[in-house]
Amino acid sequence: MATANQLHSALAGHTGKGNGISAKVLAARLGLGDTRQLRKLVTQAIEEDGSRSAARRATATTSRPPPKSWSRPSSFTTTAPSTN
């Protein structure tokens, strides 16, 4: 059976309205017997990507201080300037 990486590679040139590909043609290019196997592969790829995204979100929520380049300048004021 094809892998998620092979699926991504096969789909890379088929983005956009004018570049679509049918499920039958895609299944044949990936060496799959029918479109049902293709649907199973797509589902696996989505789940795999979802778990990677969840892992990225989990590591992104760890508390780290912001970089010094993000700090406000010392001249920053929270009051509006006078209009005199």
PDB file of N, CA and C in Angstrom:
ATOM      1  N   MET A   1       0.837  -1.182   0.000  1.00  0.00           N
ATOM      2  CA  MET A   1       0.000   0.000   0.000  1.00  0.00           C
ATOM      3  C   MET A   1       0.881   1.244   0.000  1.00  0.00           C
ATOM      4  N   ALA A   2       0.383   2.290  -0.615  1.00  0.00           N
ATOM      5  CA  ALA A   2       1.112   3.550  -0.693  1.00  0.00           C
ATOM      6  C   ALA A   2       1.167   4.212   0.685  1.00  0.00           C
ATOM      7  N   THR A   3       2.106   5.136   0.831  1.00  0.00           N
ATOM      8  CA  THR A   3       2.258   5.847   2.103  1.00  0.00           C
ATOM      9  C   THR A   3       1.661   7.248   1.988  1.00  0.00           C
ATOM     10  N   ALA A   4       1.525   7.904   3.135  1.00  0.00           N
ATOM     11  CA  ALA A   4       1.009   9.268   3.153  1.00  0.00           C
ATOM     12  C   ALA A   4       1.929  10.207   2.374  1.00  0.00           C
ATOM     13  N   ASN A   5       3.237   9.970   2.450  1.00  0.00           N
ATOM     14  CA  ASN A   5       4.187  10.805   1.703  1.00  0.00           C
ATOM     15  C   ASN A   5       3.986  10.648   0.197  1.00  0.00           C
ATOM     16  N   GLN A   6       3.734   9.420  -0.253  1.00  0.00           N
ATOM     17  CA  GLN A   6       3.477   9.199  -1.669  1.00  0.00           C
ATOM     18  C   GLN A   6       2.184   9.887  -2.096  1.00  0.00           C
ATOM     19  N   LEU A   7       1.187   9.866  -1.219  1.00  0.00           N
ATOM     20  CA  LEU A   7      -0.071  10.546  -1.504  1.00  0.00           C
ATOM     21  C   LEU A   7       0.158  12.047  -1.648  1.00  0.00           C
ATOM     22  N   HIS A   8       0.907  12.638  -0.715  1.00  0.00           N
ATOM     23  CA  HIS A   8       1.197  14.072  -0.784  1.00  0.00           C
ATOM     24  C   HIS A   8       1.960  14.408  -2.065  1.00  0.00           C
ATOM     25  N   SER A   9       2.919  13.575  -2.429  1.00  0.00           N
ATOM     26  CA  SER A   9       3.691  13.818  -3.645  1.00  0.00           C
ATOM     27  C   SER A   9       2.808  13.746  -4.885  1.00  0.00           C
ATOM     28  N   ALA A  10       1.916  12.758  -4.909  1.00  0.00           N
ATOM     29  CA  ALA A  10       1.028  12.600  -6.063  1.00  0.00           C
ATOM     30  C   ALA A  10       0.060  13.772  -6.186  1.00  0.00           C
ATOM     31  N   LEU A  11      -0.337  14.345  -5.063  1.00  0.00           N
ATOM     32  CA  LEU A  11      -1.289  15.455  -5.081  1.00  0.00           C
ATOM     33  C   LEU A  11      -0.635  16.819  -5.267  1.00  0.00           C
ATOM     34  N   ALA A  12       0.675  16.893  -5.134  1.00  0.00           N
ATOM     35  CA  ALA A  12       1.383  18.175  -5.153  1.00  0.00           C
ATOM     36  C   ALA A  12       1.097  18.999  -6.406  1.00  0.00           C
ATOM     37  N   GLY A  13       1.020  18.369  -7.538  1.00  0.00           N
ATOM     38  CA  GLY A  13       0.785  19.100  -8.783  1.00  0.00           C
ATOM     39  C   GLY A  13      -0.680  19.250  -9.135  1.00  0.00           C
ATOM     40  N   HIS A  14      -1.553  18.876  -8.241  1.00  0.00           N
ATOM     41  CA  HIS A  14      -2.981  18.885  -8.553  1.00  0.00           C
ATOM     42  C   HIS A  14      -3.781  19.794  -7.635  1.00  0.00           C
ATOM     43  N   THR A  15      -3.244  20.953  -7.325  1.00  0.00           N
ATOM     44  CA  THR A  15      -3.990  21.915  -6.515  1.00  0.00           C
ATOM     45  C   THR A  15      -4.605  22.960  -7.426  1.00  0.00           C
ATOM     46  N   GLY A  16      -5.747  23.430  -7.072  1.00  0.00           N
ATOM     47  CA  GLY A  16      -6.425  24.442  -7.868  1.00  0.00           C
ATOM     48  C   GLY A  16      -7.495  23.848  -8.755  1.00  0.00           C
ATOM     49  N   LYS A  17      -8.421  24.685  -9.160  1.00  0.00           N
ATOM     50  CA  LYS A  17      -9.593  24.243  -9.907  1.00  0.00           C
ATOM     51  C   LYS A  17      -9.226  23.572 -11.236  1.00  0.00           C
ATOM     52  N   GLY A  18      -8.280  24.108 -11.937  1.00  0.00           N
ATOM     53  CA  GLY A  18      -7.927  23.578 -13.254  1.00  0.00           C
ATOM     54  C   GLY A  18      -6.987  22.392 -13.230  1.00  0.00           C
ATOM     55  N   ASN A  19      -6.516  21.978 -12.060  1.00  0.00           N
ATOM     56  CA  ASN A  19      -5.530  20.910 -11.967  1.00  0.00           C
ATOM     57  C   ASN A  19      -6.031  19.693 -11.204  1.00  0.00           C
ATOM     58  N   GLY A  20      -7.324  19.514 -11.124  1.00  0.00           N
ATOM     59  CA  GLY A  20      -7.884  18.406 -10.353  1.00  0.00           C
ATOM     60  C   GLY A  20      -7.508  17.043 -10.916  1.00  0.00           C
ATOM     61  N   ILE A  21      -7.705  16.025 -10.102  1.00  0.00           N
ATOM     62  CA  ILE A  21      -7.436  14.646 -10.509  1.00  0.00           C
ATOM     63  C   ILE A  21      -8.543  13.778  -9.918  1.00  0.00           C
ATOM     64  N   SER A  22      -9.005  12.825 -10.696  1.00  0.00           N
ATOM     65  CA  SER A  22     -10.083  11.972 -10.192  1.00  0.00           C
ATOM     66  C   SER A  22      -9.523  10.933  -9.228  1.00  0.00           C
ATOM     67  N   ALA A  23     -10.391  10.425  -8.391  1.00  0.00           N
ATOM     68  CA  ALA A  23      -9.976   9.416  -7.417  1.00  0.00           C
ATOM     69  C   ALA A  23      -9.498   8.154  -8.125  1.00  0.00           C
ATOM     70  N   LYS A  24     -10.150   7.792  -9.214  1.00  0.00           N
ATOM     71  CA  LYS A  24      -9.741   6.583  -9.956  1.00  0.00           C
ATOM     72  C   LYS A  24      -8.330   6.724 -10.518  1.00  0.00           C
ATOM     73  N   VAL A  25      -8.035   7.879 -11.082  1.00  0.00           N
ATOM     74  CA  VAL A  25      -6.702   8.112 -11.654  1.00  0.00           C
ATOM     75  C   VAL A  25      -5.654   8.155 -10.549  1.00  0.00           C
ATOM     76  N   LEU A  26      -5.974   8.833  -9.447  1.00  0.00           N
ATOM     77  CA  LEU A  26      -5.039   8.924  -8.327  1.00  0.00           C
ATOM     78  C   LEU A  26      -4.770   7.548  -7.725  1.00  0.00           C
ATOM     79  N   ALA A  27      -5.812   6.743  -7.565  1.00  0.00           N
ATOM     80  CA  ALA A  27      -5.640   5.387  -7.031  1.00  0.00           C
ATOM     81  C   ALA A  27      -4.742   4.566  -7.950  1.00  0.00           C
ATOM     82  N   ALA A  28      -4.938   4.699  -9.250  1.00  0.00           N
ATOM     83  CA  ALA A  28      -4.110   3.956 -10.210  1.00  0.00           C
ATOM     84  C   ALA A  28      -2.652   4.409 -10.132  1.00  0.00           C
ATOM     85  N   ARG A  29      -2.419   5.722 -10.026  1.00  0.00           N
ATOM     86  CA  ARG A  29      -1.042   6.236  -9.934  1.00  0.00           C
ATOM     87  C   ARG A  29      -0.332   5.743  -8.685  1.00  0.00           C
ATOM     88  N   LEU A  30      -1.090   5.556  -7.611  1.00  0.00           N
ATOM     89  CA  LEU A  30      -0.496   5.095  -6.356  1.00  0.00           C
ATOM     90  C   LEU A  30      -0.436   3.571  -6.270  1.00  0.00           C
ATOM     91  N   GLY A  31      -0.939   2.886  -7.291  1.00  0.00           N
ATOM     92  CA  GLY A  31      -0.902   1.428  -7.298  1.00  0.00           C
ATOM     93  C   GLY A  31      -1.924   0.800  -6.371  1.00  0.00           C
ATOM     94  N   LEU A  32      -3.005   1.525  -6.103  1.00  0.00           N
ATOM     95  CA  LEU A  32      -4.056   1.004  -5.229  1.00  0.00           C
ATOM     96  C   LEU A  32      -5.107   0.309  -6.087  1.00  0.00           C
ATOM     97  N   GLY A  33      -5.744  -0.702  -5.521  1.00  0.00           N
ATOM     98  CA  GLY A  33      -6.727  -1.480  -6.271  1.00  0.00           C
ATOM     99  C   GLY A  33      -7.983  -0.701  -6.615  1.00  0.00           C
ATOM    100  N   ASP A  34      -8.459   0.104  -5.700  1.00  0.00           N
ATOM    101  CA  ASP A  34      -9.695   0.843  -5.941  1.00  0.00           C
ATOM    102  C   ASP A  34      -9.725   2.124  -5.103  1.00  0.00           C
ATOM    103  N   THR A  35     -10.786   2.876  -5.295  1.00  0.00           N
ATOM    104  CA  THR A  35     -10.888   4.152  -4.599  1.00  0.00           C
ATOM    105  C   THR A  35     -11.140   3.985  -3.102  1.00  0.00           C
ATOM    106  N   ARG A  36     -11.662   2.840  -2.703  1.00  0.00           N
ATOM    107  CA  ARG A  36     -11.876   2.600  -1.264  1.00  0.00           C
ATOM    108  C   ARG A  36     -10.542   2.590  -0.524  1.00  0.00           C
ATOM    109  N   GLN A  37      -9.530   1.959  -1.118  1.00  0.00           N
ATOM    110  CA  GLN A  37      -8.194   1.955  -0.516  1.00  0.00           C
ATOM    111  C   GLN A  37      -7.615   3.368  -0.490  1.00  0.00           C
ATOM    112  N   LEU A  38      -7.925   4.147  -1.520  1.00  0.00           N
ATOM    113  CA  LEU A  38      -7.465   5.538  -1.557  1.00  0.00           C
ATOM    114  C   LEU A  38      -8.102   6.326  -0.420  1.00  0.00           C
ATOM    115  N   ARG A  39      -9.390   6.135  -0.188  1.00  0.00           N
ATOM    116  CA  ARG A  39     -10.060   6.834   0.909  1.00  0.00           C
ATOM    117  C   ARG A  39      -9.455   6.467   2.252  1.00  0.00           C
ATOM    118  N   LYS A  40      -9.106   5.184   2.402  1.00  0.00           N
ATOM    119  CA  LYS A  40      -8.474   4.734   3.644  1.00  0.00           C
ATOM    120  C   LYS A  40      -7.122   5.429   3.828  1.00  0.00           C
ATOM    121  N   LEU A  41      -6.351   5.528   2.755  1.00  0.00           N
ATOM    122  CA  LEU A  41      -5.047   6.191   2.812  1.00  0.00           C
ATOM    123  C   LEU A  41      -5.203   7.679   3.145  1.00  0.00           C
ATOM    124  N   VAL A  42      -6.190   8.337   2.545  1.00  0.00           N
ATOM    125  CA  VAL A  42      -6.432   9.753   2.827  1.00  0.00           C
ATOM    126  C   VAL A  42      -6.794   9.936   4.298  1.00  0.00           C
ATOM    127  N   THR A  43      -7.649   9.064   4.821  1.00  0.00           N
ATOM    128  CA  THR A  43      -8.038   9.136   6.231  1.00  0.00           C
ATOM    129  C   THR A  43      -6.820   8.971   7.134  1.00  0.00           C
ATOM    130  N   GLN A  44      -5.967   8.002   6.816  1.00  0.00           N
ATOM    131  CA  GLN A  44      -4.757   7.788   7.609  1.00  0.00           C
ATOM    132  C   GLN A  44      -3.851   9.021   7.564  1.00  0.00           C
ATOM    133  N   ALA A  45      -3.723   9.619   6.387  1.00  0.00           N
ATOM    134  CA  ALA A  45      -2.865  10.806   6.248  1.00  0.00           C
ATOM    135  C   ALA A  45      -3.419  11.965   7.070  1.00  0.00           C
ATOM    136  N   ILE A  46      -4.745  12.124   7.068  1.00  0.00           N
ATOM    137  CA  ILE A  46      -5.363  13.194   7.845  1.00  0.00           C
ATOM    138  C   ILE A  46      -5.137  12.968   9.335  1.00  0.00           C
ATOM    139  N   GLU A  47      -5.337  11.724   9.782  1.00  0.00           N
ATOM    140  CA  GLU A  47      -5.149  11.416  11.200  1.00  0.00           C
ATOM    141  C   GLU A  47      -3.696  11.605  11.604  1.00  0.00           C
ATOM    142  N   GLU A  48      -2.779  11.194  10.737  1.00  0.00           N
ATOM    143  CA  GLU A  48      -1.347  11.340  11.010  1.00  0.00           C
ATOM    144  C   GLU A  48      -0.983  12.816  11.118  1.00  0.00           C
ATOM    145  N   ASP A  49      -1.492  13.615  10.192  1.00  0.00           N
ATOM    146  CA  ASP A  49      -1.206  15.041  10.212  1.00  0.00           C
ATOM    147  C   ASP A  49      -1.848  15.690  11.431  1.00  0.00           C
ATOM    148  N   GLY A  50      -3.037  15.244  11.806  1.00  0.00           N
ATOM    149  CA  GLY A  50      -3.707  15.783  12.984  1.00  0.00           C
ATOM    150  C   GLY A  50      -2.932  15.515  14.254  1.00  0.00           C
ATOM    151  N   SER A  51      -2.350  14.324  14.357  1.00  0.00           N
ATOM    152  CA  SER A  51      -1.574  14.012  15.559  1.00  0.00           C
ATOM    153  C   SER A  51      -0.289  14.824  15.594  1.00  0.00           C
ATOM    154  N   ARG A  52       0.303  15.093  14.428  1.00  0.00           N
ATOM    155  CA  ARG A  52       1.489  15.946  14.388  1.00  0.00           C
ATOM    156  C   ARG A  52       1.128  17.367  14.791  1.00  0.00           C
ATOM    157  N   SER A  53      -0.028  17.840  14.309  1.00  0.00           N
ATOM    158  CA  SER A  53      -0.461  19.190  14.654  1.00  0.00           C
ATOM    159  C   SER A  53      -0.730  19.303  16.152  1.00  0.00           C
ATOM    160  N   ALA A  54      -1.344  18.268  16.716  1.00  0.00           N
ATOM    161  CA  ALA A  54      -1.623  18.274  18.154  1.00  0.00           C
ATOM    162  C   ALA A  54      -0.316  18.298  18.942  1.00  0.00           C
ATOM    163  N   ALA A  55       0.676  17.558  18.472  1.00  0.00           N
ATOM    164  CA  ALA A  55       1.969  17.541  19.156  1.00  0.00           C
ATOM    165  C   ALA A  55       2.628  18.915  19.079  1.00  0.00           C
ATOM    166  N   ARG A  56       2.503  19.576  17.926  1.00  0.00           N
ATOM    167  CA  ARG A  56       3.073  20.925  17.796  1.00  0.00           C
ATOM    168  C   ARG A  56       2.359  21.895  18.721  1.00  0.00           C
ATOM    169  N   ARG A  57       1.023  21.779  18.797  1.00  0.00           N
ATOM    170  CA  ARG A  57       0.281  22.672  19.687  1.00  0.00           C
ATOM    171  C   ARG A  57       0.666  22.419  21.137  1.00  0.00           C
ATOM    172  N   ALA A  58       0.854  21.156  21.506  1.00  0.00           N
ATOM    173  CA  ALA A  58       1.200  20.826  22.892  1.00  0.00           C
ATOM    174  C   ALA A  58       2.557  21.401  23.261  1.00  0.00           C
ATOM    175  N   THR A  59       3.509  21.329  22.356  1.00  0.00           N
ATOM    176  CA  THR A  59       4.838  21.862  22.667  1.00  0.00           C
ATOM    177  C   THR A  59       4.845  23.384  22.574  1.00  0.00           C
ATOM    178  N   ALA A  60       3.948  23.947  21.798  1.00  0.00           N
ATOM    179  CA  ALA A  60       3.908  25.399  21.663  1.00  0.00           C
ATOM    180  C   ALA A  60       3.305  26.066  22.891  1.00  0.00           C
ATOM    181  N   THR A  61       2.575  25.313  23.697  1.00  0.00           N
ATOM    182  CA  THR A  61       1.935  25.925  24.859  1.00  0.00           C
ATOM    183  C   THR A  61       2.831  25.919  26.095  1.00  0.00           C
ATOM    184  N   THR A  62       4.033  25.386  25.967  1.00  0.00           N
ATOM    185  CA  THR A  62       4.936  25.434  27.120  1.00  0.00           C
ATOM    186  C   THR A  62       5.305  26.885  27.380  1.00  0.00           C
ATOM    187  N   SER A  63       5.477  27.216  28.638  1.00  0.00           N
ATOM    188  CA  SER A  63       5.742  28.624  28.963  1.00  0.00           C
ATOM    189  C   SER A  63       7.208  28.947  28.752  1.00  0.00           C
ATOM    190  N   ARG A  64       7.440  29.835  27.842  1.00  0.00           N
ATOM    191  CA  ARG A  64       8.774  30.351  27.563  1.00  0.00           C
ATOM    192  C   ARG A  64       8.679  31.861  27.571  1.00  0.00           C
ATOM    193  N   PRO A  65       9.675  32.538  28.078  1.00  0.00           N
ATOM    194  CA  PRO A  65       9.615  34.001  28.024  1.00  0.00           C
ATOM    195  C   PRO A  65       9.742  34.454  26.564  1.00  0.00           C
ATOM    196  N   PRO A  66       9.103  35.564  26.209  1.00  0.00           N
ATOM    197  CA  PRO A  66       9.221  36.047  24.834  1.00  0.00           C
ATOM    198  C   PRO A  66      10.640  36.531  24.562  1.00  0.00           C
ATOM    199  N   PRO A  67      11.059  36.508  23.320  1.00  0.00           N
ATOM    200  CA  PRO A  67      12.401  37.002  22.998  1.00  0.00           C
ATOM    201  C   PRO A  67      12.524  38.475  23.367  1.00  0.00           C
ATOM    202  N   LYS A  68      13.735  38.896  23.655  1.00  0.00           N
ATOM    203  CA  LYS A  68      13.963  40.289  24.036  1.00  0.00           C
ATOM    204  C   LYS A  68      13.562  41.242  22.922  1.00  0.00           C
ATOM    205  N   SER A  69      13.637  40.780  21.690  1.00  0.00           N
ATOM    206  CA  SER A  69      13.253  41.641  20.568  1.00  0.00           C
ATOM    207  C   SER A  69      11.768  41.973  20.595  1.00  0.00           C
ATOM    208  N   TRP A  70      10.962  41.237  21.363  1.00  0.00           N
ATOM    209  CA  TRP A  70       9.532  41.497  21.464  1.00  0.00           C
ATOM    210  C   TRP A  70       9.201  42.469  22.589  1.00  0.00           C
ATOM    211  N   SER A  71      10.159  42.810  23.394  1.00  0.00           N
ATOM    212  CA  SER A  71       9.853  43.670  24.540  1.00  0.00           C
ATOM    213  C   SER A  71       9.557  45.089  24.061  1.00  0.00           C
ATOM    214  N   ARG A  72       8.763  45.783  24.848  1.00  0.00           N
ATOM    215  CA  ARG A  72       8.402  47.150  24.512  1.00  0.00           C
ATOM    216  C   ARG A  72       9.570  48.072  24.800  1.00  0.00           C
ATOM    217  N   PRO A  73       9.721  49.099  23.979  1.00  0.00           N
ATOM    218  CA  PRO A  73      10.798  50.057  24.271  1.00  0.00           C
ATOM    219  C   PRO A  73      10.506  50.784  25.575  1.00  0.00           C
ATOM    220  N   SER A  74      11.548  51.261  26.222  1.00  0.00           N
ATOM    221  CA  SER A  74      11.381  51.922  27.516  1.00  0.00           C
ATOM    222  C   SER A  74      10.581  53.209  27.389  1.00  0.00           C
ATOM    223  N   SER A  75      10.510  53.795  26.206  1.00  0.00           N
ATOM    224  CA  SER A  75       9.764  55.033  26.023  1.00  0.00           C
ATOM    225  C   SER A  75       8.272  54.785  25.786  1.00  0.00           C
ATOM    226  N   PHE A  76       7.850  53.533  25.837  1.00  0.00           N
ATOM    227  CA  PHE A  76       6.452  53.208  25.598  1.00  0.00           C
ATOM    228  C   PHE A  76       5.598  53.731  26.729  1.00  0.00           C
ATOM    229  N   THR A  77       4.528  54.427  26.385  1.00  0.00           N
ATOM    230  CA  THR A  77       3.604  54.941  27.397  1.00  0.00           C
ATOM    231  C   THR A  77       2.202  54.401  27.114  1.00  0.00           C
ATOM    232  N   THR A  78       1.427  54.260  28.148  1.00  0.00           N
ATOM    233  CA  THR A  78       0.086  53.760  27.962  1.00  0.00           C
ATOM    234  C   THR A  78      -0.936  54.887  27.950  1.00  0.00           C
ATOM    235  N   THR A  79      -0.497  56.112  28.158  1.00  0.00           N
ATOM    236  CA  THR A  79      -1.422  57.248  28.141  1.00  0.00           C
ATOM    237  C   THR A  79      -1.353  57.937  26.787  1.00  0.00           C
ATOM    238  N   ALA A  80      -2.440  58.545  26.394  1.00  0.00           N
ATOM    239  CA  ALA A  80      -2.478  59.239  25.102  1.00  0.00           C
ATOM    240  C   ALA A  80      -1.655  60.519  25.172  1.00  0.00           C
ATOM    241  N   PRO A  81      -1.032  60.895  24.078  1.00  0.00           N
ATOM    242  CA  PRO A  81      -0.247  62.149  24.079  1.00  0.00           C
ATOM    243  C   PRO A  81      -1.175  63.350  24.232  1.00  0.00           C
ATOM    244  N   SER A  82      -0.652  64.419  24.781  1.00  0.00           N
ATOM    245  CA  SER A  82      -1.467  65.630  24.958  1.00  0.00           C
ATOM    246  C   SER A  82      -1.713  66.288  23.614  1.00  0.00           C
ATOM    247  N   THR A  83      -2.825  66.989  23.510  1.00  0.00           N
ATOM    248  CA  THR A  83      -3.192  67.630  22.250  1.00  0.00           C
ATOM    249  C   THR A  83      -3.003  69.136  22.310  1.00  0.00           C
ATOM    250  N   ASN A  84      -2.134  69.611  23.148  1.00  0.00           N
ATOM    251  CA  ASN A  84      -1.913  71.068  23.288  1.00  0.00           C
ATOM    252  C   ASN A  84      -1.232  71.638  22.107  1.00  0.00           C
TER     253      ASN A  84
END
